[in-house]
């Protein structure tokens, strides 16, 4: 039985991240000198690259060394708590914005933070962890001194997170954006507040008085009346983050509130009064926004996305209703694992997000050739295409190796245009149009170069046999040991990556009237309310 398609829904913070990013793009075209200062502050590309991107005019959207995509652009959107939060650099919101400048198609893909994967930060290996640690590991050069060069420095966090997420989804991540949750408050205050029409009145008696439980572990009560009201930055942050009210505390309710807030921010920013505050908006975001994009790339994306209706953005969710299953790590953490111990289903689904109906009707015969010299890649790629319902021929090894960029050789004489473009997008390959070879049954030949690195080749999707899935037989003795410790979720064996802080563990007491099952941690993904826990290492 085929798993259900990825759910189309809004994530908890995806709309907010996308909205803030959109505001920055709007602001980027206001004044060149102000934009240069702003992007120099938030961009890891460096001042020289930013200046050249302006002087040289429009540049490819993708940042070097990743080549400009022949099809859709994939931008990783990360949301993290920042200073004063439990695990300040752990990314609680992970999204991929997939945008095709040619067709104006856009999709927002929600990636659960609790996915368990190998984080290959060093050349000699890495560690299994939840993927929300990748950004923090990349930023923590002191705690991880053996990291590969591309995963160090200011760009290390985004680069490592992009590498991991892209490998899991089978999508090349061309750029990344990281936003501190303080951005919500900063944006609203910079605009002089926003007006929001609250749809449902609610009271939350368990809103944290301070994000850092070591400073103040108590809770406070917040209340919102229904109807129009003006919100300051702090009030807007409470509105967006509240999760424990009986009236509107569901994930759906929280997402709906965040959408209302972002619509209010957009309306305010684009109003005559708001336009005069865009410089202040840039200043407010300078400390809460980081990206590897240059000015030229940001403005190019802004121009390409002009006229895109946010309501037309397809929202895709990967979760335990389709390709994931709840599991437990060897140290007792609640995690998410791929069904069938393989990421092939997820990767096939992601590759087909923008698949045109004509691809199926063309019925092109496709054959994959491996020119990388690495065994098995043509077979892996053929399996991915089979998962998309395409017609494939047996994979082959190319007579010569060493090809850098993958190529799509089109022998169809214009019959299979949609399929050719689909394959160019999947493999980030250039298209070569040629006459059909005599006596060859293939319509399109995919030649894999070394730029094609599937997830199975870099170890990110290597299955951790020490994990176990409730209700299934354990893989080994380590998994059995994990079973016995389910009652108390322990700290991970690897150090929780922190940019700063001291080694400590503390917990905010739960109200006596709010019992919950033991073992839920702040990094859990269950529906129960997590404990107010704080784990920090230097």
Protein backbone atom coordinates (compact mmCIF):
# COMPACT_ATOMS: atom_id res chain seq x y z
CA UNK A 1 0.00 0.00 0.00
CA UNK A 2 1.33 3.42 -0.93
CA UNK A 3 1.71 5.84 2.00
CA UNK A 4 -0.58 8.86 1.90
CA UNK A 5 0.78 11.93 0.21
CA UNK A 6 2.50 14.54 2.39
CA UNK A 7 -0.13 16.57 4.20
CA UNK A 8 -0.82 20.07 2.94
CA UNK A 9 -1.00 22.31 5.98
CA UNK A 10 0.70 25.27 7.62
CA UNK A 11 3.47 24.56 10.11
CA UNK A 12 3.74 26.21 13.51
CA UNK A 13 6.22 28.89 12.43
CA UNK A 14 6.58 28.39 8.69
CA UNK A 15 4.20 31.16 7.67
CA UNK A 16 5.86 33.53 10.11
CA UNK A 17 9.34 32.77 8.82
CA UNK A 18 8.20 33.18 5.23
CA UNK A 19 6.48 36.45 6.07
CA UNK A 20 9.52 37.94 7.79
CA UNK A 21 11.73 36.87 4.88
CA UNK A 22 9.28 38.51 2.48
CA UNK A 23 9.42 41.76 4.41
CA UNK A 24 13.19 41.80 4.14
CA UNK A 25 12.93 41.29 0.39
CA UNK A 26 10.51 44.21 0.14
CA UNK A 27 12.84 46.39 2.17
CA UNK A 28 15.86 45.36 0.10
CA UNK A 29 14.79 47.51 -2.83
CA UNK A 30 14.27 50.75 -0.92
CA UNK A 31 17.75 52.27 -0.95
CA UNK A 32 20.99 50.73 -2.14
CA UNK A 33 23.23 52.19 0.57
CA UNK A 34 20.88 51.19 3.38
CA UNK A 35 20.41 47.76 1.87
CA UNK A 36 24.18 47.28 1.58
CA UNK A 37 24.63 48.03 5.28
CA UNK A 38 21.77 45.74 6.21
CA UNK A 39 22.79 42.78 4.07
CA UNK A 40 26.42 43.14 5.13
CA UNK A 41 25.19 42.72 8.71
CA UNK A 42 22.99 39.69 8.03
CA UNK A 43 24.76 38.00 5.10
CA UNK A 44 27.62 35.55 5.59
CA UNK A 45 28.70 36.15 1.97
CA UNK A 46 30.98 39.03 2.97
CA UNK A 47 31.07 42.70 2.00
CA UNK A 48 33.08 42.13 -1.19
CA UNK A 49 30.62 39.58 -2.53
CA UNK A 50 27.70 41.84 -1.71
CA UNK A 51 29.26 44.83 -3.48
CA UNK A 52 30.08 42.72 -6.54
CA UNK A 53 26.53 41.38 -6.62
CA UNK A 54 25.22 44.94 -6.88
CA UNK A 55 27.81 46.26 -9.34
CA UNK A 56 27.58 43.16 -11.50
CA UNK A 57 23.80 43.31 -11.71
CA UNK A 58 21.54 40.30 -11.48
CA UNK A 59 23.33 37.12 -10.44
CA UNK A 60 22.17 33.51 -10.27
CA UNK A 61 19.95 32.98 -7.26
CA UNK A 62 22.05 30.16 -5.88
CA UNK A 63 25.18 30.99 -3.94
CA UNK A 64 28.55 29.53 -4.87
CA UNK A 65 29.71 26.77 -4.75
CA UNK A 66 26.22 25.38 -5.46
CA UNK A 67 25.43 25.99 -9.15
CA UNK A 68 22.41 28.03 -10.19
CA UNK A 69 19.41 25.69 -10.41
CA UNK A 70 18.02 24.80 -13.82
CA UNK A 71 14.59 24.52 -12.20
CA UNK A 72 13.20 25.35 -8.76
CA UNK A 73 15.21 27.20 -6.11
CA UNK A 74 15.26 25.64 -2.65
CA UNK A 75 15.74 27.95 0.35
CA UNK A 76 16.03 26.52 3.87
CA UNK A 77 14.18 28.56 6.51
CA UNK A 78 15.28 28.08 10.11
CA UNK A 79 13.73 29.48 13.29
CA UNK A 80 15.64 29.36 16.58
CA UNK A 81 15.00 30.66 20.09
CA UNK A 82 18.08 32.82 20.57
CA UNK A 83 19.59 34.14 23.77
CA UNK A 84 17.42 33.55 26.85
CA UNK A 85 15.73 30.45 25.45
CA UNK A 86 16.28 26.81 26.33
CA UNK A 87 18.81 25.62 23.75
CA UNK A 88 19.16 29.05 22.08
CA UNK A 89 20.54 27.74 18.77
CA UNK A 90 18.34 24.66 18.41
CA UNK A 91 16.06 25.16 15.39
CA UNK A 92 12.50 24.54 16.50
CA UNK A 93 11.16 25.45 13.06
CA UNK A 94 12.64 23.94 9.89
CA UNK A 95 11.10 24.67 6.49
CA UNK A 96 12.13 24.51 2.85
CA UNK A 97 10.74 27.10 0.46
CA UNK A 98 10.73 25.55 -3.02
CA UNK A 99 10.15 28.18 -5.71
CA UNK A 100 10.22 27.87 -9.49
CA UNK A 101 10.87 31.32 -11.04
CA UNK A 102 9.72 30.09 -14.46
CA UNK A 103 6.29 28.80 -13.50
CA UNK A 104 5.81 30.90 -10.31
CA UNK A 105 5.01 27.71 -8.42
CA UNK A 106 5.92 27.72 -4.74
CA UNK A 107 5.73 25.19 -1.94
CA UNK A 108 6.55 25.42 1.76
CA UNK A 109 7.77 22.07 3.08
CA UNK A 110 7.57 21.47 6.83
CA UNK A 111 10.40 19.32 8.21
CA UNK A 112 9.89 18.04 11.80
CA UNK A 113 12.67 19.01 14.19
CA UNK A 114 12.60 15.58 15.88
CA UNK A 115 13.77 13.61 12.84
CA UNK A 116 16.68 11.40 13.90
CA UNK A 117 19.61 11.47 11.49
CA UNK A 118 23.35 11.32 11.31
CA UNK A 119 24.92 14.79 11.53
CA UNK A 120 28.20 14.41 9.53
CA UNK A 121 29.98 17.48 10.84
CA UNK A 122 33.51 16.04 10.63
CA UNK A 123 35.42 14.36 7.82
CA UNK A 124 35.90 11.27 9.99
CA UNK A 125 32.26 10.86 10.88
CA UNK A 126 29.62 12.54 12.99
CA UNK A 127 26.88 11.71 15.46
CA UNK A 128 23.26 10.63 15.43
CA UNK A 129 20.98 13.35 16.77
CA UNK A 130 17.76 15.21 16.13
CA UNK A 131 18.15 17.42 13.09
CA UNK A 132 17.36 20.54 15.10
CA UNK A 133 20.90 20.28 16.52
CA UNK A 134 22.62 20.69 13.13
CA UNK A 135 22.49 24.50 13.13
CA UNK A 136 23.80 24.66 16.69
CA UNK A 137 26.63 22.22 16.00
CA UNK A 138 27.66 24.29 12.99
CA UNK A 139 27.89 27.42 15.14
CA UNK A 140 29.78 25.76 17.98
CA UNK A 141 33.39 25.66 16.76
CA UNK A 142 34.79 25.35 20.28
CA UNK A 143 32.68 22.35 21.22
CA UNK A 144 33.27 20.63 17.86
CA UNK A 145 36.87 21.47 16.87
CA UNK A 146 37.10 18.70 14.24
CA UNK A 147 34.37 20.07 11.98
CA UNK A 148 34.85 20.31 8.23
CA UNK A 149 35.78 23.81 7.05
CA UNK A 150 32.41 24.51 5.40
CA UNK A 151 30.68 23.83 8.72
CA UNK A 152 32.70 26.38 10.72
CA UNK A 153 32.48 30.10 11.34
CA UNK A 154 29.47 32.32 10.91
CA UNK A 155 28.13 30.31 7.99
CA UNK A 156 28.73 26.92 9.62
CA UNK A 157 25.33 26.53 11.24
CA UNK A 158 23.32 27.27 8.11
CA UNK A 159 25.62 25.22 5.89
CA UNK A 160 25.43 22.13 8.11
CA UNK A 161 21.66 22.38 8.53
CA UNK A 162 21.25 22.81 4.76
CA UNK A 163 23.47 19.79 4.11
CA UNK A 164 21.50 17.57 6.48
CA UNK A 165 18.00 18.67 5.46
CA UNK A 166 18.85 18.61 1.76
CA UNK A 167 20.24 15.09 2.08
CA UNK A 168 17.13 13.80 3.85
CA UNK A 169 14.74 15.34 1.31
CA UNK A 170 16.92 14.59 -1.73
CA UNK A 171 16.79 18.28 -2.69
CA UNK A 172 19.76 20.57 -3.30
CA UNK A 173 19.54 23.47 -0.84
CA UNK A 174 20.74 26.55 -2.69
CA UNK A 175 20.41 29.12 0.08
CA UNK A 176 19.44 29.33 3.74
CA UNK A 177 17.88 31.87 6.08
CA UNK A 178 17.98 31.72 9.90
CA UNK A 179 15.65 33.86 12.01
CA UNK A 180 15.80 34.42 15.77
CA UNK A 181 12.34 34.32 17.38
CA UNK A 182 13.10 37.79 18.72
CA UNK A 183 12.39 38.91 15.15
CA UNK A 184 8.66 38.75 15.85
CA UNK A 185 8.93 41.32 18.57
CA UNK A 186 11.52 43.42 16.73
CA UNK A 187 9.48 43.63 13.53
CA UNK A 188 6.26 44.64 15.26
CA UNK A 189 7.94 47.28 17.43
CA UNK A 190 9.87 48.69 14.43
CA UNK A 191 6.53 49.15 12.63
CA UNK A 192 4.95 50.88 15.63
CA UNK A 193 2.72 47.93 16.46
CA UNK A 194 0.15 46.07 14.39
CA UNK A 195 -3.62 45.71 14.36
CA UNK A 196 -4.95 42.15 14.63
CA UNK A 197 -8.54 40.93 14.62
CA UNK A 198 -8.44 38.11 17.19
CA UNK A 199 -10.94 35.45 16.13
CA UNK A 200 -11.17 33.44 19.36
CA UNK A 201 -10.84 34.69 22.92
CA UNK A 202 -8.47 32.55 24.99
CA UNK A 203 -6.70 32.34 28.33
CA UNK A 204 -3.34 30.62 28.76
CA UNK A 205 -2.39 29.98 32.39
CA UNK A 206 0.94 28.35 31.54
CA UNK A 207 2.83 30.94 29.54
CA UNK A 208 6.51 31.07 30.65
CA UNK A 209 7.34 34.19 32.61
CA UNK A 210 10.90 33.95 31.30
CA UNK A 211 12.20 31.82 28.44
CA UNK A 212 15.17 30.81 30.57
CA UNK A 213 13.89 28.62 33.40
CA UNK A 214 17.13 29.18 35.36
CA UNK A 215 16.21 32.85 35.68
CA UNK A 216 12.52 32.44 36.47
CA UNK A 217 10.89 28.99 36.35
CA UNK A 218 7.35 30.21 36.98
CA UNK A 219 4.37 30.55 34.67
CA UNK A 220 2.06 33.49 34.12
CA UNK A 221 -1.45 33.94 32.76
CA UNK A 222 -2.13 35.77 29.49
CA UNK A 223 -5.55 36.54 28.03
CA UNK A 224 -6.76 37.81 24.66
CA UNK A 225 -10.27 39.08 23.98
CA UNK A 226 -11.89 38.43 20.64
CA UNK A 227 -12.06 41.32 18.19
CA UNK A 228 -9.76 44.02 16.75
CA UNK A 229 -6.85 45.17 18.93
CA UNK A 230 -3.51 46.91 18.61
CA UNK A 231 -0.50 44.80 19.65
CA UNK A 232 2.99 45.77 20.69
CA UNK A 233 5.91 43.49 19.90
CA UNK A 234 5.75 41.71 23.26
CA UNK A 235 2.00 41.26 23.01
CA UNK A 236 2.30 39.94 19.45
CA UNK A 237 4.93 37.43 20.58
CA UNK A 238 2.59 36.13 23.29
CA UNK A 239 -0.21 35.88 20.73
CA UNK A 240 1.98 33.89 18.34
CA UNK A 241 3.55 31.55 20.89
CA UNK A 242 0.70 30.69 23.28
CA UNK A 243 0.06 26.96 23.23
CA UNK A 244 -1.70 25.90 26.45
CA UNK A 245 -5.13 27.53 26.38
CA UNK A 246 -8.22 25.35 26.42
CA UNK A 247 -9.94 27.59 23.87
CA UNK A 248 -7.24 27.90 21.17
CA UNK A 249 -4.21 25.88 22.27
CA UNK A 250 -4.05 23.37 19.43
CA UNK A 251 -1.32 23.37 16.80
CA UNK A 252 -3.95 24.42 14.26
CA UNK A 253 -5.03 27.34 16.41
CA UNK A 254 -1.45 28.45 16.94
CA UNK A 255 -0.72 28.31 13.21
CA UNK A 256 -3.87 30.28 12.47
CA UNK A 257 -2.87 32.98 14.96
CA UNK A 258 0.59 33.24 13.44
CA UNK A 259 -0.95 33.61 10.00
CA UNK A 260 -3.20 36.41 11.28
CA UNK A 261 -0.18 38.11 12.79
CA UNK A 262 1.87 37.89 9.61
CA UNK A 263 -0.99 39.27 7.53
CA UNK A 264 -1.19 42.17 9.97
CA UNK A 265 2.57 42.77 9.74
CA UNK A 266 2.44 42.67 5.94
CA UNK A 267 -0.50 45.08 5.87
CA UNK A 268 1.29 47.49 8.21
CA UNK A 269 4.64 47.28 6.39
CA UNK A 270 3.10 48.02 2.99
CA UNK A 271 0.89 50.86 4.23
CA UNK A 272 1.96 54.49 3.59
CA UNK A 273 2.85 54.82 7.29
CA UNK A 274 4.67 51.51 7.33
CA UNK A 275 6.80 52.28 4.28
CA UNK A 276 8.41 55.13 6.20
CA UNK A 277 9.52 52.63 8.84
CA UNK A 278 11.26 50.10 6.56
CA UNK A 279 14.71 51.44 7.47
CA UNK A 280 13.85 50.83 11.11
CA UNK A 281 12.66 47.37 10.14
CA UNK A 282 16.06 46.63 8.62
CA UNK A 283 17.81 47.81 11.77
CA UNK A 284 15.49 45.71 13.94
CA UNK A 285 16.24 42.56 11.95
CA UNK A 286 20.00 43.07 11.71
CA UNK A 287 20.62 41.08 14.88
CA UNK A 288 17.91 38.48 14.34
CA UNK A 289 18.36 37.48 10.71
CA UNK A 290 21.23 35.59 9.04
CA UNK A 291 21.54 34.29 5.48
CA UNK A 292 24.16 33.17 2.97
CA UNK A 293 22.48 35.19 0.23
CA UNK A 294 24.00 38.35 -1.21
CA UNK A 295 22.17 41.57 -2.00
CA UNK A 296 22.01 40.58 -5.65
CA UNK A 297 20.50 37.21 -4.84
CA UNK A 298 17.94 38.66 -2.43
CA UNK A 299 16.78 41.30 -4.90
CA UNK A 300 16.74 38.76 -7.76
CA UNK A 301 14.52 36.49 -5.70
CA UNK A 302 12.29 39.43 -4.76
CA UNK A 303 11.85 40.33 -8.42
CA UNK A 304 11.23 36.72 -9.45
CA UNK A 305 8.60 36.30 -6.71
CA UNK A 306 6.81 39.57 -7.53
CA UNK A 307 3.11 38.94 -7.93
CA UNK A 308 3.22 35.57 -6.16
CA UNK A 309 0.03 35.10 -4.13
CA UNK A 310 0.97 33.82 -0.63
CA UNK A 311 -2.35 31.99 -0.53
CA UNK A 312 -1.28 29.99 -3.60
CA UNK A 313 1.82 28.60 -1.86
CA UNK A 314 1.42 24.84 -1.52
CA UNK A 315 2.05 23.75 2.07
CA UNK A 316 3.55 20.30 2.41
CA UNK A 317 4.04 18.45 5.68
CA UNK A 318 6.21 15.37 6.23
CA UNK A 319 4.96 13.64 9.37
CA UNK A 320 3.80 10.41 10.98
CA UNK A 321 0.69 10.25 8.78
CA UNK A 322 2.76 9.58 5.68
CA UNK A 323 6.48 8.83 5.69
CA UNK A 324 7.58 8.99 9.34
CA UNK A 325 7.03 6.84 12.42
CA UNK A 326 7.42 7.57 16.13
CA UNK A 327 10.53 6.03 17.65
CA UNK A 328 12.84 6.14 20.66
CA UNK A 329 16.61 6.67 20.64
CA UNK A 330 19.03 4.55 22.64
CA UNK A 331 19.18 7.27 25.31
CA UNK A 332 15.39 7.49 25.57
CA UNK A 333 14.54 10.53 23.44
CA UNK A 334 11.25 10.65 21.52
CA UNK A 335 12.24 10.83 17.85
CA UNK A 336 10.90 10.43 14.32
CA UNK A 337 12.25 7.76 11.96
CA UNK A 338 11.57 6.99 8.28
CA UNK A 339 9.04 4.27 7.60
CA UNK A 340 10.66 1.15 6.20
CA UNK A 341 14.07 2.37 7.44
CA UNK A 342 14.50 4.31 4.18
CA UNK A 343 14.19 7.93 3.00
CA UNK A 344 13.45 6.89 -0.60
CA UNK A 345 9.72 7.56 -0.23
CA UNK A 346 10.26 11.06 1.13
CA UNK A 347 12.77 11.90 -1.59
CA UNK A 348 10.48 10.70 -4.36
CA UNK A 349 7.61 12.75 -2.92
CA UNK A 350 9.75 15.88 -2.71
CA UNK A 351 11.02 15.46 -6.26
CA UNK A 352 7.42 15.32 -7.47
CA UNK A 353 6.13 18.39 -5.60
CA UNK A 354 5.99 20.45 -8.82
CA UNK A 355 5.50 17.59 -11.26
CA UNK A 356 3.52 18.78 -14.28
CA UNK A 357 0.62 16.55 -15.42
CA UNK A 358 2.25 16.37 -18.85
CA UNK A 359 5.14 14.35 -17.40
CA UNK A 360 2.91 11.34 -16.91
CA UNK A 361 1.15 11.67 -20.26
CA UNK A 362 4.42 12.00 -22.21
CA UNK A 363 5.51 8.55 -21.07
CA UNK A 364 9.17 9.17 -21.86
CA UNK A 365 11.59 6.24 -21.57
CA UNK A 366 14.40 7.30 -19.25
CA UNK A 367 17.76 5.71 -18.59
CA UNK A 368 20.24 6.77 -15.91
CA UNK A 369 24.00 6.54 -16.53
CA UNK A 370 26.55 6.82 -13.74
CA UNK A 371 29.60 8.94 -14.68
CA UNK A 372 30.74 9.56 -11.10
CA UNK A 373 32.82 6.44 -10.54
CA UNK A 374 30.92 5.74 -7.32
CA UNK A 375 29.11 2.42 -7.39
CA UNK A 376 25.34 2.25 -7.11
CA UNK A 377 24.30 5.85 -7.82
CA UNK A 378 22.52 5.06 -11.09
CA UNK A 379 20.49 2.38 -9.34
CA UNK A 380 19.56 4.80 -6.54
CA UNK A 381 18.50 7.49 -9.02
CA UNK A 382 16.49 4.98 -11.05
CA UNK A 383 14.61 3.90 -7.93
CA UNK A 384 13.78 7.54 -7.20
CA UNK A 385 12.33 7.98 -10.71
CA UNK A 386 10.38 4.74 -10.35
CA UNK A 387 8.85 6.19 -7.18
CA UNK A 388 7.63 9.14 -9.21
CA UNK A 389 5.83 6.82 -11.61
CA UNK A 390 8.20 7.48 -14.52
CA UNK A 391 9.13 4.85 -17.10
CA UNK A 392 12.75 3.79 -16.64
CA UNK A 393 15.19 1.47 -18.38
CA UNK A 394 17.93 -0.51 -16.58
CA UNK A 395 20.64 1.79 -15.16
CA UNK A 396 24.11 1.78 -16.71
CA UNK A 397 27.66 2.83 -15.91
CA UNK A 398 29.16 5.41 -18.26
CA UNK A 399 32.29 4.31 -20.15
CA UNK A 400 34.18 7.28 -18.71
CA UNK A 401 33.99 8.94 -15.30
CA UNK A 402 34.92 12.31 -13.87
CA UNK A 403 31.91 14.31 -15.08
CA UNK A 404 31.33 17.24 -12.70
CA UNK A 405 27.84 18.57 -13.51
CA UNK A 406 25.01 16.16 -14.28
CA UNK A 407 23.46 16.29 -17.75
CA UNK A 408 20.07 15.53 -19.28
CA UNK A 409 20.45 14.30 -22.87
CA UNK A 410 17.18 14.90 -24.71
CA UNK A 411 16.66 12.61 -27.72
CA UNK A 412 12.88 13.17 -27.89
CA UNK A 413 12.96 15.87 -30.60
CA UNK A 414 10.60 18.06 -28.57
CA UNK A 415 8.08 15.38 -27.61
CA UNK A 416 9.03 15.16 -23.94
CA UNK A 417 9.66 18.78 -22.95
CA UNK A 418 7.90 18.57 -19.58
CA UNK A 419 9.81 15.44 -18.58
CA UNK A 420 13.13 16.97 -19.60
CA UNK A 421 12.48 20.03 -17.44
CA UNK A 422 11.36 17.81 -14.54
CA UNK A 423 14.57 15.79 -14.69
CA UNK A 424 16.70 18.93 -14.97
CA UNK A 425 15.05 20.16 -11.78
CA UNK A 426 15.46 16.89 -9.88
CA UNK A 427 19.13 16.47 -10.72
CA UNK A 428 20.10 20.17 -10.98
CA UNK A 429 21.43 19.29 -14.42
CA UNK A 430 21.99 21.09 -17.69
CA UNK A 431 20.03 19.99 -20.76
CA UNK A 432 21.78 18.76 -23.90
CA UNK A 433 19.57 18.34 -27.00
CA UNK A 434 20.76 15.67 -29.41
CA UNK A 435 19.41 13.58 -32.32
CA UNK A 436 18.16 10.16 -31.18
CA UNK A 437 20.85 7.44 -31.36
CA UNK A 438 20.23 4.81 -34.02
CA UNK A 439 18.64 1.67 -32.59
CA UNK A 440 18.36 3.11 -29.05
CA UNK A 441 14.99 2.86 -27.29
CA UNK A 442 15.74 5.62 -24.78
CA UNK A 443 14.06 9.03 -25.09
CA UNK A 444 16.02 10.79 -22.34
CA UNK A 445 19.38 9.88 -20.84
CA UNK A 446 20.34 11.15 -17.39
CA UNK A 447 24.13 11.25 -16.92
CA UNK A 448 25.06 11.64 -13.26
CA UNK A 449 28.07 13.82 -12.48
CA UNK A 450 29.84 14.26 -9.16
CA UNK A 451 27.51 17.18 -8.34
CA UNK A 452 24.79 14.59 -7.77
CA UNK A 453 25.23 13.38 -4.20
CA UNK A 454 22.23 11.41 -2.97
CA UNK A 455 21.62 11.18 0.74
CA UNK A 456 22.69 7.54 0.88
CA UNK A 457 26.18 8.51 -0.27
CA UNK A 458 26.97 11.00 2.51
CA UNK A 459 25.73 8.98 5.47
CA UNK A 460 23.05 11.43 6.64
CA UNK A 461 20.30 8.87 6.09
CA UNK A 462 22.19 5.92 7.49
CA UNK A 463 19.69 4.17 9.75
CA UNK A 464 20.54 4.09 13.45
CA UNK A 465 20.09 0.47 14.53
CA UNK A 466 20.22 1.44 18.22
CA UNK A 467 16.80 3.10 17.90
CA UNK A 468 13.53 1.25 18.36
CA UNK A 469 9.91 1.67 17.36
CA UNK A 470 7.22 0.91 19.98
CA UNK A 471 5.40 -2.25 19.05
CA UNK A 472 8.21 -3.58 16.90
CA UNK A 473 11.09 -5.89 17.74
CA UNK A 474 14.22 -4.10 18.89
CA UNK A 475 17.27 -4.11 16.68
CA UNK A 476 19.81 -5.02 19.35
CA UNK A 477 20.65 -4.97 23.05
CA UNK A 478 21.15 -1.20 23.03
CA UNK A 479 17.57 -0.70 21.91
CA UNK A 480 16.38 -3.06 24.65
CA UNK A 481 18.22 -0.97 27.20
CA UNK A 482 16.48 2.11 25.86
CA UNK A 483 13.12 0.43 26.41
CA UNK A 484 13.71 0.14 30.12
CA UNK A 485 14.51 3.85 30.42
CA UNK A 486 11.39 5.20 28.75
CA UNK A 487 9.99 6.46 32.02
CA UNK A 488 12.67 9.13 32.28
CA UNK A 489 14.02 10.72 29.14
CA UNK A 490 17.72 11.26 29.67
CA UNK A 491 20.08 13.85 28.26
CA UNK A 492 21.61 12.82 24.92
CA UNK A 493 25.03 11.18 24.97
CA UNK A 494 26.40 13.88 22.68
CA UNK A 495 26.74 17.39 24.15
CA UNK A 496 23.74 19.59 23.50
CA UNK A 497 25.29 22.24 21.22
CA UNK A 498 25.18 25.69 22.72
CA UNK A 499 26.84 28.87 21.62
CA UNK A 500 27.21 29.89 25.23
CA UNK A 501 26.09 28.92 28.74
CA UNK A 502 27.16 26.63 31.55
CA UNK A 503 26.52 22.97 32.20
CA UNK A 504 23.21 22.77 33.97
CA UNK A 505 19.88 21.00 34.02
CA UNK A 506 16.82 22.63 35.52
CA UNK A 507 13.09 22.21 35.19
CA UNK A 508 10.13 24.51 35.61
CA UNK A 509 7.57 22.92 37.89
CA UNK A 510 4.27 21.92 36.34
CA UNK A 511 1.06 23.09 37.99
CA UNK A 512 -0.37 20.39 40.25
CA UNK A 513 -3.62 20.52 38.32
CA UNK A 514 -1.90 19.75 35.02
CA UNK A 515 -0.61 16.16 35.23
CA UNK A 516 1.05 14.72 32.15
CA UNK A 517 2.83 11.48 31.25
CA UNK A 518 6.38 11.18 32.48
CA UNK A 519 9.20 11.36 29.97
CA UNK A 520 8.13 14.28 27.80
CA UNK A 521 11.06 16.60 27.20
CA UNK A 522 11.36 20.03 25.65
CA UNK A 523 12.51 18.43 22.43
CA UNK A 524 9.60 16.01 22.32
CA UNK A 525 7.01 16.06 19.57
CA UNK A 526 4.03 14.65 21.43
CA UNK A 527 0.78 16.47 21.97
CA UNK A 528 1.31 16.76 25.70
CA UNK A 529 2.76 19.90 27.25
CA UNK A 530 6.52 19.58 27.64
CA UNK A 531 8.30 20.16 30.91
CA UNK A 532 10.03 23.48 31.36
CA UNK A 533 13.51 21.99 31.08
CA UNK A 534 16.84 23.61 30.41
CA UNK A 535 19.96 21.75 29.33
CA UNK A 536 23.10 23.72 28.57
CA UNK A 537 26.74 23.00 27.93
CA UNK A 538 29.62 25.29 27.23
